[in-house]
Each structure stands twice: as C-alpha cells, then as structure tokens.
Amino acid sequence: MRKYENHSKISKTYENHNTVMDQTDLDIISYLQSNGRMPFTDIAKALDISEGTVRNRVSRLTETRILQIVGMVDPYQLGYDAPAVISISVQPPLLSQIANSISKFPEVSYLIMVSGEYDLLVEVLCKDRDHLANFLNEKLLKVPGIISTETSMVLHTYKMSYGALPEISIDLNEG
C-alpha cells in the first residue's frame, strides 16, 4: 500500500447524517472486506499507520453503520440446496405491510423493493424443493395483498458477496 501524509477528505451524505471519509478509511474497509478477522495490527502495518488509528476508525465506521463486520456462511455447506429468487407483485397500498410480513420468514435472506414489473424481490434459502414448495404455499402465498409471484430456482451461484463492495475506489482529486 502507500504511506499517508496528507489525507484528502471525501464528504458524502448518507441518509440522515453526514460522514467524512478519506482514503485511509477506504483502505481499512478494503482489508476488512477481504478478511473481517484481520488483526488491526496487520492492517496498521500494511498501511503504515498506528493500530490505535485503525481501531478508532473501525469503531467510528461501525458506529455510523458504514461498516458491519459479520460472519458469512455458505448456505450450500449447511444443506440449503434449494435457493430461489421470487419476484412479487403486491397491492400498492399494502407494500410496506407485506414487506414487513415477508421479512419475518426465516427462509428469507434478502428482500428489496424494485421498480419494473414486480414490486418486491425476495431471495429464499430452502433445504430442498419440498421445503421451497411448502414455503411458497403455506407461508408466502398466505400473506394478504400479494397479487402474483414468479419463482426462479437458483441453479448455480457464481458470486455471493452479501452486499460487500468488490472494490472501493474514490477519486480523491475529483470535485
């Protein structure tokens, strides 16, 4: 990596608060994305900064919810061999209520509102096709306000990053 002398600041407004980050923050995040358990001393050494600086910055980044450090599991290794993506059309006035209901199902790993033909996109992790059929018929389709669904079984996963950015890079000279 590189040594830090002058840290250019990057101002970016996130939802309800203003966060200021510089290239050091981005580099720390990059190391933690590749290994969330990397010791702060190793990151500090690689970036030629103190361990306390890394610790303080990680603390600030987690407190402001820019960074979350979580354990990721491979659902296939745990026997979840029938993942699926479900597109859902809903009655518009009930969208938030429906999304809230769907989010409570343990099979749901990802739920977003989308534009286009459907209103919601849901990723579910099921152990097998019977589990998926049961989820669809006994849980999802019983949620009031759902108009239609389209289910696609996942045949092969090429990348699973759980929301982690593959690479963070911001042009510090831009602006």
N, C-alpha and C. Protein backbone atom coordinates (compact mmCIF):
# COMPACT_ATOMS: atom_id res chain seq x y z
N MET A 1 0.84 -1.18 0.00
CA MET A 1 0.00 0.00 0.00
C MET A 1 0.88 1.24 0.00
N ARG A 2 0.35 2.34 0.47
CA ARG A 2 1.10 3.57 0.42
C ARG A 2 1.13 4.23 1.79
N LYS A 3 2.08 5.11 2.00
CA LYS A 3 2.16 5.86 3.25
C LYS A 3 1.25 7.07 3.15
N TYR A 4 0.77 7.50 4.32
CA TYR A 4 -0.17 8.61 4.35
C TYR A 4 0.47 9.83 4.95
N GLU A 5 0.47 10.91 4.20
CA GLU A 5 0.98 12.17 4.71
C GLU A 5 -0.16 13.18 4.79
N ASN A 6 -0.75 13.50 3.65
CA ASN A 6 -1.92 14.39 3.61
C ASN A 6 -3.13 13.56 3.25
N HIS A 7 -4.10 13.53 4.10
CA HIS A 7 -5.32 12.77 3.83
C HIS A 7 -6.35 13.70 3.21
N SER A 8 -6.63 13.51 1.94
CA SER A 8 -7.72 14.26 1.31
C SER A 8 -9.02 13.75 1.90
N LYS A 9 -9.95 14.63 2.12
CA LYS A 9 -11.23 14.24 2.71
C LYS A 9 -12.27 14.04 1.63
N ILE A 10 -13.12 13.06 1.86
CA ILE A 10 -14.23 12.78 0.97
C ILE A 10 -15.48 13.03 1.79
N SER A 11 -16.32 13.95 1.38
CA SER A 11 -17.58 14.19 2.09
C SER A 11 -18.69 13.53 1.31
N LYS A 12 -19.46 12.75 1.99
CA LYS A 12 -20.57 12.05 1.36
C LYS A 12 -21.71 12.05 2.36
N THR A 13 -22.88 12.44 1.92
CA THR A 13 -24.04 12.44 2.81
C THR A 13 -24.76 11.12 2.69
N TYR A 14 -25.00 10.46 3.83
CA TYR A 14 -25.72 9.21 3.89
C TYR A 14 -27.01 9.44 4.65
N GLU A 15 -28.11 9.03 4.10
CA GLU A 15 -29.46 9.14 4.67
C GLU A 15 -29.60 10.32 5.63
N ASN A 16 -29.47 10.10 6.93
CA ASN A 16 -29.77 11.16 7.89
C ASN A 16 -28.54 11.75 8.57
N HIS A 17 -27.36 11.47 8.05
CA HIS A 17 -26.17 12.04 8.67
C HIS A 17 -25.07 12.27 7.65
N ASN A 18 -24.15 13.12 8.00
CA ASN A 18 -23.03 13.42 7.12
C ASN A 18 -21.80 12.67 7.62
N THR A 19 -21.15 11.98 6.74
CA THR A 19 -19.98 11.19 7.10
C THR A 19 -18.79 11.67 6.27
N VAL A 20 -17.66 11.85 6.92
CA VAL A 20 -16.46 12.24 6.21
C VAL A 20 -15.50 11.06 6.25
N MET A 21 -15.05 10.63 5.07
CA MET A 21 -14.11 9.52 4.98
C MET A 21 -12.94 9.95 4.09
N ASP A 22 -11.78 9.35 4.35
CA ASP A 22 -10.64 9.58 3.49
C ASP A 22 -10.13 8.25 2.96
N GLN A 23 -9.05 8.28 2.21
CA GLN A 23 -8.53 7.06 1.59
C GLN A 23 -8.11 6.03 2.64
N THR A 24 -7.66 6.47 3.80
CA THR A 24 -7.29 5.53 4.85
C THR A 24 -8.51 4.71 5.29
N ASP A 25 -9.65 5.38 5.47
CA ASP A 25 -10.87 4.67 5.82
C ASP A 25 -11.21 3.64 4.75
N LEU A 26 -11.12 4.04 3.49
CA LEU A 26 -11.44 3.14 2.39
C LEU A 26 -10.48 1.95 2.33
N ASP A 27 -9.21 2.21 2.62
CA ASP A 27 -8.23 1.11 2.62
C ASP A 27 -8.49 0.14 3.77
N ILE A 28 -8.84 0.66 4.93
CA ILE A 28 -9.17 -0.20 6.07
C ILE A 28 -10.37 -1.07 5.73
N ILE A 29 -11.39 -0.46 5.16
CA ILE A 29 -12.59 -1.20 4.75
C ILE A 29 -12.21 -2.29 3.75
N SER A 30 -11.35 -1.97 2.81
CA SER A 30 -10.94 -2.93 1.80
C SER A 30 -10.27 -4.15 2.44
N TYR A 31 -9.38 -3.93 3.40
CA TYR A 31 -8.74 -5.05 4.10
C TYR A 31 -9.77 -5.90 4.84
N LEU A 32 -10.71 -5.24 5.51
CA LEU A 32 -11.70 -5.98 6.28
C LEU A 32 -12.69 -6.71 5.38
N GLN A 33 -12.89 -6.22 4.15
CA GLN A 33 -13.75 -6.94 3.22
C GLN A 33 -13.10 -8.24 2.78
N SER A 34 -11.79 -8.26 2.67
CA SER A 34 -11.12 -9.49 2.26
C SER A 34 -10.96 -10.46 3.43
N ASN A 35 -10.89 -9.92 4.66
CA ASN A 35 -10.78 -10.76 5.84
C ASN A 35 -11.29 -9.97 7.04
N GLY A 36 -12.54 -10.19 7.41
CA GLY A 36 -13.16 -9.45 8.51
C GLY A 36 -12.51 -9.68 9.86
N ARG A 37 -11.67 -10.71 9.97
CA ARG A 37 -10.98 -11.00 11.23
C ARG A 37 -9.52 -10.59 11.21
N MET A 38 -9.12 -9.85 10.17
CA MET A 38 -7.72 -9.43 10.09
C MET A 38 -7.38 -8.58 11.31
N PRO A 39 -6.30 -8.90 12.01
CA PRO A 39 -5.91 -8.10 13.17
C PRO A 39 -5.63 -6.65 12.79
N PHE A 40 -6.04 -5.74 13.66
CA PHE A 40 -5.80 -4.32 13.40
C PHE A 40 -4.31 -4.04 13.28
N THR A 41 -3.48 -4.81 13.99
CA THR A 41 -2.03 -4.61 13.90
C THR A 41 -1.53 -4.91 12.48
N ASP A 42 -2.10 -5.93 11.84
CA ASP A 42 -1.70 -6.26 10.46
C ASP A 42 -2.13 -5.17 9.49
N ILE A 43 -3.36 -4.65 9.67
CA ILE A 43 -3.84 -3.57 8.81
C ILE A 43 -2.97 -2.33 9.00
N ALA A 44 -2.68 -2.02 10.26
CA ALA A 44 -1.86 -0.84 10.57
C ALA A 44 -0.48 -0.94 9.92
N LYS A 45 0.11 -2.12 10.02
CA LYS A 45 1.44 -2.32 9.42
C LYS A 45 1.39 -2.15 7.90
N ALA A 46 0.36 -2.73 7.27
CA ALA A 46 0.24 -2.64 5.82
C ALA A 46 0.02 -1.21 5.35
N LEU A 47 -0.67 -0.41 6.17
CA LEU A 47 -0.98 0.97 5.78
C LEU A 47 0.01 1.98 6.37
N ASP A 48 0.96 1.51 7.18
CA ASP A 48 1.96 2.37 7.82
C ASP A 48 1.29 3.44 8.68
N ILE A 49 0.34 2.96 9.51
CA ILE A 49 -0.32 3.82 10.48
C ILE A 49 -0.37 3.06 11.80
N SER A 50 -0.80 3.71 12.86
CA SER A 50 -0.82 3.04 14.16
C SER A 50 -2.04 2.12 14.29
N GLU A 51 -1.89 1.12 15.17
CA GLU A 51 -3.00 0.21 15.44
C GLU A 51 -4.17 0.98 16.06
N GLY A 52 -3.87 1.97 16.89
CA GLY A 52 -4.91 2.79 17.50
C GLY A 52 -5.72 3.56 16.47
N THR A 53 -5.05 4.03 15.41
CA THR A 53 -5.75 4.73 14.34
C THR A 53 -6.73 3.78 13.66
N VAL A 54 -6.28 2.56 13.39
CA VAL A 54 -7.17 1.57 12.76
C VAL A 54 -8.34 1.28 13.68
N ARG A 55 -8.06 1.02 14.95
CA ARG A 55 -9.12 0.71 15.91
C ARG A 55 -10.14 1.84 16.00
N ASN A 56 -9.67 3.08 16.11
CA ASN A 56 -10.58 4.23 16.21
C ASN A 56 -11.42 4.41 14.95
N ARG A 57 -10.80 4.22 13.80
CA ARG A 57 -11.54 4.39 12.55
C ARG A 57 -12.57 3.28 12.35
N VAL A 58 -12.20 2.05 12.68
CA VAL A 58 -13.16 0.94 12.56
C VAL A 58 -14.32 1.19 13.52
N SER A 59 -14.02 1.65 14.72
CA SER A 59 -15.07 1.95 15.69
C SER A 59 -16.01 3.02 15.14
N ARG A 60 -15.46 4.09 14.57
CA ARG A 60 -16.29 5.16 14.01
C ARG A 60 -17.11 4.65 12.83
N LEU A 61 -16.50 3.85 11.98
CA LEU A 61 -17.21 3.32 10.80
C LEU A 61 -18.33 2.36 11.19
N THR A 62 -18.14 1.60 12.26
CA THR A 62 -19.20 0.69 12.70
C THR A 62 -20.29 1.46 13.45
N GLU A 63 -19.91 2.45 14.24
CA GLU A 63 -20.90 3.25 14.96
C GLU A 63 -21.81 4.02 14.00
N THR A 64 -21.25 4.48 12.88
CA THR A 64 -22.05 5.22 11.90
C THR A 64 -22.74 4.28 10.91
N ARG A 65 -22.56 2.99 11.10
CA ARG A 65 -23.20 1.94 10.30
C ARG A 65 -22.74 1.93 8.84
N ILE A 66 -21.59 2.51 8.57
CA ILE A 66 -21.00 2.40 7.24
C ILE A 66 -20.43 1.00 7.08
N LEU A 67 -19.90 0.46 8.16
CA LEU A 67 -19.23 -0.84 8.15
C LEU A 67 -19.92 -1.77 9.14
N GLN A 68 -20.19 -2.98 8.68
CA GLN A 68 -20.66 -4.05 9.55
C GLN A 68 -19.74 -5.24 9.35
N ILE A 69 -19.30 -5.81 10.43
CA ILE A 69 -18.44 -6.99 10.34
C ILE A 69 -19.26 -8.17 10.84
N VAL A 70 -19.53 -9.11 9.92
CA VAL A 70 -20.39 -10.24 10.24
C VAL A 70 -19.75 -11.54 9.76
N GLY A 71 -20.19 -12.63 10.34
CA GLY A 71 -19.76 -13.94 9.87
C GLY A 71 -20.64 -14.36 8.70
N MET A 72 -20.05 -14.78 7.62
CA MET A 72 -20.82 -15.24 6.46
C MET A 72 -20.72 -16.75 6.37
N VAL A 73 -21.84 -17.37 6.06
CA VAL A 73 -21.85 -18.82 5.88
C VAL A 73 -22.23 -19.14 4.44
N ASP A 74 -21.79 -20.29 3.98
CA ASP A 74 -22.18 -20.77 2.67
C ASP A 74 -23.40 -21.64 2.87
N PRO A 75 -24.58 -21.19 2.41
CA PRO A 75 -25.80 -21.97 2.67
C PRO A 75 -25.74 -23.38 2.11
N TYR A 76 -25.03 -23.59 1.02
CA TYR A 76 -24.91 -24.93 0.44
C TYR A 76 -24.20 -25.87 1.40
N GLN A 77 -23.20 -25.35 2.12
CA GLN A 77 -22.46 -26.17 3.07
C GLN A 77 -23.32 -26.57 4.27
N LEU A 78 -24.40 -25.81 4.50
CA LEU A 78 -25.31 -26.11 5.61
C LEU A 78 -26.53 -26.91 5.17
N GLY A 79 -26.52 -27.35 3.90
CA GLY A 79 -27.60 -28.19 3.42
C GLY A 79 -28.76 -27.46 2.79
N TYR A 80 -28.62 -26.18 2.53
CA TYR A 80 -29.69 -25.42 1.87
C TYR A 80 -29.45 -25.50 0.36
N ASP A 81 -29.99 -26.56 -0.25
CA ASP A 81 -29.73 -26.87 -1.65
C ASP A 81 -30.80 -26.39 -2.61
N ALA A 82 -31.76 -25.60 -2.12
CA ALA A 82 -32.84 -25.13 -3.00
C ALA A 82 -33.06 -23.62 -2.82
N PRO A 83 -32.02 -22.82 -3.08
CA PRO A 83 -32.25 -21.37 -3.01
C PRO A 83 -33.10 -20.94 -4.20
N ALA A 84 -33.85 -19.87 -4.00
CA ALA A 84 -34.70 -19.36 -5.07
C ALA A 84 -34.82 -17.85 -4.97
N VAL A 85 -35.14 -17.23 -6.10
CA VAL A 85 -35.42 -15.81 -6.16
C VAL A 85 -36.88 -15.68 -6.57
N ILE A 86 -37.61 -14.90 -5.81
CA ILE A 86 -39.05 -14.77 -6.06
C ILE A 86 -39.38 -13.30 -6.33
N SER A 87 -39.99 -13.05 -7.48
CA SER A 87 -40.48 -11.72 -7.82
C SER A 87 -41.94 -11.66 -7.40
N ILE A 88 -42.32 -10.56 -6.75
CA ILE A 88 -43.67 -10.47 -6.19
C ILE A 88 -44.34 -9.16 -6.60
N SER A 89 -45.59 -9.27 -7.07
CA SER A 89 -46.44 -8.10 -7.30
C SER A 89 -47.41 -8.00 -6.13
N VAL A 90 -47.59 -6.79 -5.64
CA VAL A 90 -48.46 -6.59 -4.47
C VAL A 90 -49.45 -5.47 -4.72
N GLN A 91 -50.46 -5.41 -3.87
CA GLN A 91 -51.38 -4.28 -3.88
C GLN A 91 -50.61 -3.08 -3.33
N PRO A 92 -50.42 -2.02 -4.13
CA PRO A 92 -49.55 -0.91 -3.73
C PRO A 92 -49.75 -0.34 -2.33
N PRO A 93 -50.99 -0.13 -1.86
CA PRO A 93 -51.11 0.45 -0.52
C PRO A 93 -50.59 -0.47 0.60
N LEU A 94 -50.42 -1.74 0.29
CA LEU A 94 -50.01 -2.71 1.31
C LEU A 94 -48.53 -3.08 1.23
N LEU A 95 -47.78 -2.43 0.35
CA LEU A 95 -46.39 -2.83 0.10
C LEU A 95 -45.57 -2.93 1.38
N SER A 96 -45.54 -1.88 2.19
CA SER A 96 -44.72 -1.91 3.41
C SER A 96 -45.17 -3.00 4.38
N GLN A 97 -46.46 -3.16 4.52
CA GLN A 97 -47.00 -4.18 5.41
C GLN A 97 -46.63 -5.59 4.91
N ILE A 98 -46.72 -5.80 3.61
CA ILE A 98 -46.36 -7.09 3.02
C ILE A 98 -44.86 -7.36 3.18
N ALA A 99 -44.05 -6.34 2.90
CA ALA A 99 -42.60 -6.50 3.05
C ALA A 99 -42.25 -6.83 4.50
N ASN A 100 -42.89 -6.19 5.43
CA ASN A 100 -42.65 -6.47 6.85
C ASN A 100 -43.00 -7.91 7.19
N SER A 101 -44.13 -8.39 6.68
CA SER A 101 -44.54 -9.78 6.93
C SER A 101 -43.55 -10.77 6.34
N ILE A 102 -43.15 -10.53 5.09
CA ILE A 102 -42.22 -11.44 4.40
C ILE A 102 -40.87 -11.46 5.10
N SER A 103 -40.42 -10.30 5.58
CA SER A 103 -39.09 -10.22 6.21
C SER A 103 -38.99 -11.09 7.46
N LYS A 104 -40.10 -11.46 8.04
CA LYS A 104 -40.09 -12.26 9.27
C LYS A 104 -39.92 -13.76 9.03
N PHE A 105 -40.06 -14.20 7.78
CA PHE A 105 -39.90 -15.63 7.49
C PHE A 105 -38.43 -16.00 7.57
N PRO A 106 -38.08 -17.06 8.30
CA PRO A 106 -36.66 -17.43 8.44
C PRO A 106 -36.00 -17.83 7.12
N GLU A 107 -36.77 -18.26 6.14
CA GLU A 107 -36.19 -18.65 4.85
C GLU A 107 -35.70 -17.45 4.04
N VAL A 108 -36.18 -16.26 4.36
CA VAL A 108 -35.86 -15.05 3.59
C VAL A 108 -34.49 -14.52 4.00
N SER A 109 -33.59 -14.45 3.02
CA SER A 109 -32.25 -13.92 3.28
C SER A 109 -32.06 -12.52 2.71
N TYR A 110 -32.94 -12.13 1.80
CA TYR A 110 -32.76 -10.85 1.10
C TYR A 110 -34.13 -10.41 0.62
N LEU A 111 -34.48 -9.16 0.87
CA LEU A 111 -35.78 -8.63 0.46
C LEU A 111 -35.62 -7.17 0.08
N ILE A 112 -35.97 -6.85 -1.17
CA ILE A 112 -35.84 -5.47 -1.63
C ILE A 112 -37.07 -5.05 -2.44
N MET A 113 -37.33 -3.75 -2.43
CA MET A 113 -38.35 -3.18 -3.29
C MET A 113 -37.66 -2.82 -4.59
N VAL A 114 -38.30 -3.15 -5.72
CA VAL A 114 -37.70 -2.90 -7.03
C VAL A 114 -38.68 -2.15 -7.92
N SER A 115 -38.14 -1.58 -8.98
CA SER A 115 -39.00 -0.97 -9.99
C SER A 115 -39.21 -1.98 -11.11
N GLY A 116 -40.20 -1.74 -11.93
CA GLY A 116 -40.45 -2.63 -13.06
C GLY A 116 -41.73 -3.40 -12.89
N GLU A 117 -41.78 -4.57 -13.48
CA GLU A 117 -42.99 -5.39 -13.50
C GLU A 117 -43.41 -5.85 -12.10
N TYR A 118 -42.44 -6.08 -11.22
CA TYR A 118 -42.73 -6.57 -9.88
C TYR A 118 -42.41 -5.49 -8.85
N ASP A 119 -42.89 -5.67 -7.65
CA ASP A 119 -42.69 -4.70 -6.58
C ASP A 119 -41.60 -5.10 -5.60
N LEU A 120 -41.50 -6.40 -5.34
CA LEU A 120 -40.53 -6.92 -4.38
C LEU A 120 -39.73 -8.05 -5.00
N LEU A 121 -38.50 -8.17 -4.57
CA LEU A 121 -37.65 -9.28 -4.98
C LEU A 121 -37.16 -9.93 -3.69
N VAL A 122 -37.35 -11.25 -3.60
CA VAL A 122 -37.03 -11.98 -2.38
C VAL A 122 -36.08 -13.12 -2.72
N GLU A 123 -35.03 -13.26 -1.93
CA GLU A 123 -34.17 -14.44 -2.03
C GLU A 123 -34.50 -15.32 -0.83
N VAL A 124 -34.75 -16.59 -1.09
CA VAL A 124 -35.04 -17.53 -0.01
C VAL A 124 -34.04 -18.68 -0.06
N LEU A 125 -33.74 -19.21 1.11
CA LEU A 125 -32.86 -20.36 1.23
C LEU A 125 -33.67 -21.51 1.80
N CYS A 126 -33.87 -22.53 0.99
CA CYS A 126 -34.64 -23.71 1.40
C CYS A 126 -33.77 -24.95 1.30
N LYS A 127 -34.05 -25.93 2.14
CA LYS A 127 -33.24 -27.15 2.17
C LYS A 127 -33.41 -28.00 0.91
N ASP A 128 -34.64 -28.05 0.39
CA ASP A 128 -34.90 -28.85 -0.81
C ASP A 128 -36.15 -28.31 -1.49
N ARG A 129 -36.55 -28.94 -2.59
CA ARG A 129 -37.71 -28.46 -3.34
C ARG A 129 -39.00 -28.57 -2.53
N ASP A 130 -39.12 -29.60 -1.71
CA ASP A 130 -40.31 -29.72 -0.86
C ASP A 130 -40.40 -28.55 0.13
N HIS A 131 -39.27 -28.19 0.69
CA HIS A 131 -39.22 -27.06 1.62
C HIS A 131 -39.62 -25.78 0.88
N LEU A 132 -39.11 -25.59 -0.33
CA LEU A 132 -39.45 -24.42 -1.14
C LEU A 132 -40.96 -24.40 -1.45
N ALA A 133 -41.51 -25.53 -1.88
CA ALA A 133 -42.95 -25.61 -2.18
C ALA A 133 -43.78 -25.29 -0.94
N ASN A 134 -43.35 -25.82 0.19
CA ASN A 134 -44.06 -25.55 1.44
C ASN A 134 -43.98 -24.07 1.79
N PHE A 135 -42.81 -23.47 1.62
CA PHE A 135 -42.66 -22.04 1.89
C PHE A 135 -43.61 -21.23 1.02
N LEU A 136 -43.64 -21.54 -0.27
CA LEU A 136 -44.50 -20.80 -1.19
C LEU A 136 -45.97 -20.96 -0.83
N ASN A 137 -46.41 -22.17 -0.66
CA ASN A 137 -47.84 -22.45 -0.46
C ASN A 137 -48.35 -22.17 0.95
N GLU A 138 -47.54 -22.44 1.94
CA GLU A 138 -48.01 -22.33 3.32
C GLU A 138 -47.62 -21.02 4.01
N LYS A 139 -46.69 -20.30 3.43
CA LYS A 139 -46.26 -19.04 4.06
C LYS A 139 -46.47 -17.86 3.12
N LEU A 140 -45.69 -17.81 2.06
CA LEU A 140 -45.68 -16.62 1.20
C LEU A 140 -47.04 -16.31 0.60
N LEU A 141 -47.66 -17.30 -0.01
CA LEU A 141 -48.92 -17.04 -0.71
C LEU A 141 -50.10 -16.81 0.24
N LYS A 142 -49.87 -16.94 1.53
CA LYS A 142 -50.91 -16.64 2.52
C LYS A 142 -50.79 -15.21 3.06
N VAL A 143 -49.79 -14.48 2.60
CA VAL A 143 -49.65 -13.08 3.02
C VAL A 143 -50.69 -12.25 2.27
N PRO A 144 -51.58 -11.58 2.98
CA PRO A 144 -52.62 -10.78 2.33
C PRO A 144 -52.03 -9.65 1.49
N GLY A 145 -52.57 -9.46 0.29
CA GLY A 145 -52.15 -8.36 -0.57
C GLY A 145 -51.21 -8.74 -1.69
N ILE A 146 -50.72 -10.00 -1.68
CA ILE A 146 -49.86 -10.44 -2.78
C ILE A 146 -50.75 -10.75 -3.98
N ILE A 147 -50.41 -10.15 -5.11
CA ILE A 147 -51.19 -10.35 -6.34
C ILE A 147 -50.66 -11.54 -7.13
N SER A 148 -49.33 -11.58 -7.33
CA SER A 148 -48.74 -12.68 -8.09
C SER A 148 -47.27 -12.83 -7.73
N THR A 149 -46.74 -14.02 -8.04
CA THR A 149 -45.32 -14.29 -7.81
C THR A 149 -44.75 -15.02 -9.01
N GLU A 150 -43.45 -14.91 -9.15
CA GLU A 150 -42.71 -15.70 -10.14
C GLU A 150 -41.46 -16.19 -9.45
N THR A 151 -41.31 -17.50 -9.37
CA THR A 151 -40.20 -18.11 -8.65
C THR A 151 -39.17 -18.67 -9.61
N SER A 152 -37.92 -18.33 -9.38
CA SER A 152 -36.80 -18.88 -10.16
C SER A 152 -35.87 -19.61 -9.21
N MET A 153 -35.65 -20.88 -9.48
CA MET A 153 -34.70 -21.65 -8.67
C MET A 153 -33.28 -21.27 -9.09
N VAL A 154 -32.42 -21.14 -8.12
CA VAL A 154 -31.02 -20.84 -8.39
C VAL A 154 -30.34 -22.15 -8.81
N LEU A 155 -29.76 -22.16 -10.00
CA LEU A 155 -29.09 -23.36 -10.50
C LEU A 155 -27.60 -23.38 -10.17
N HIS A 156 -27.00 -22.19 -10.18
CA HIS A 156 -25.57 -22.10 -9.88
C HIS A 156 -25.28 -20.69 -9.38
N THR A 157 -24.47 -20.58 -8.35
CA THR A 157 -24.06 -19.29 -7.81
C THR A 157 -22.64 -19.00 -8.25
N TYR A 158 -22.47 -17.91 -8.99
CA TYR A 158 -21.14 -17.52 -9.44
C TYR A 158 -20.46 -16.57 -8.47
N LYS A 159 -21.24 -15.80 -7.76
CA LYS A 159 -20.67 -14.87 -6.78
C LYS A 159 -21.68 -14.64 -5.68
N MET A 160 -21.18 -14.62 -4.44
CA MET A 160 -22.02 -14.35 -3.29
C MET A 160 -21.23 -13.41 -2.38
N SER A 161 -21.58 -12.13 -2.39
CA SER A 161 -20.77 -11.18 -1.62
C SER A 161 -21.51 -10.56 -0.45
N TYR A 162 -22.78 -10.84 -0.27
CA TYR A 162 -23.53 -10.34 0.87
C TYR A 162 -23.45 -8.83 1.03
N GLY A 163 -23.50 -8.12 -0.07
CA GLY A 163 -23.55 -6.67 -0.02
C GLY A 163 -22.19 -6.01 0.07
N ALA A 164 -21.13 -6.78 0.19
CA ALA A 164 -19.81 -6.18 0.25
C ALA A 164 -19.43 -5.65 -1.12
N LEU A 165 -18.90 -4.46 -1.14
CA LEU A 165 -18.45 -3.91 -2.40
C LEU A 165 -17.21 -4.65 -2.85
N PRO A 166 -17.10 -5.02 -4.12
CA PRO A 166 -15.93 -5.76 -4.56
C PRO A 166 -14.65 -4.96 -4.44
N GLU A 167 -14.74 -3.67 -4.65
CA GLU A 167 -13.57 -2.82 -4.52
C GLU A 167 -14.06 -1.41 -4.31
N ILE A 168 -13.50 -0.73 -3.32
CA ILE A 168 -13.88 0.65 -3.07
C ILE A 168 -12.78 1.52 -3.64
N SER A 169 -13.16 2.40 -4.53
CA SER A 169 -12.18 3.36 -5.03
C SER A 169 -12.89 4.66 -5.33
N ILE A 170 -12.35 5.73 -4.78
CA ILE A 170 -12.92 7.05 -5.00
C ILE A 170 -11.78 7.95 -5.44
N ASP A 171 -12.01 8.70 -6.49
CA ASP A 171 -11.01 9.63 -6.99
C ASP A 171 -10.94 10.82 -6.05
N LEU A 172 -9.86 10.92 -5.28
CA LEU A 172 -9.72 11.98 -4.31
C LEU A 172 -9.49 13.35 -4.96
N ASN A 173 -9.14 13.34 -6.23
CA ASN A 173 -8.89 14.60 -6.93
C ASN A 173 -10.13 15.12 -7.63
N GLU A 174 -11.21 14.35 -7.58
CA GLU A 174 -12.45 14.72 -8.25
C GLU A 174 -13.14 15.81 -7.47
N GLY A 175 -13.87 16.66 -8.14
CA GLY A 175 -14.67 17.61 -7.43
C GLY A 175 -14.38 18.96 -7.85
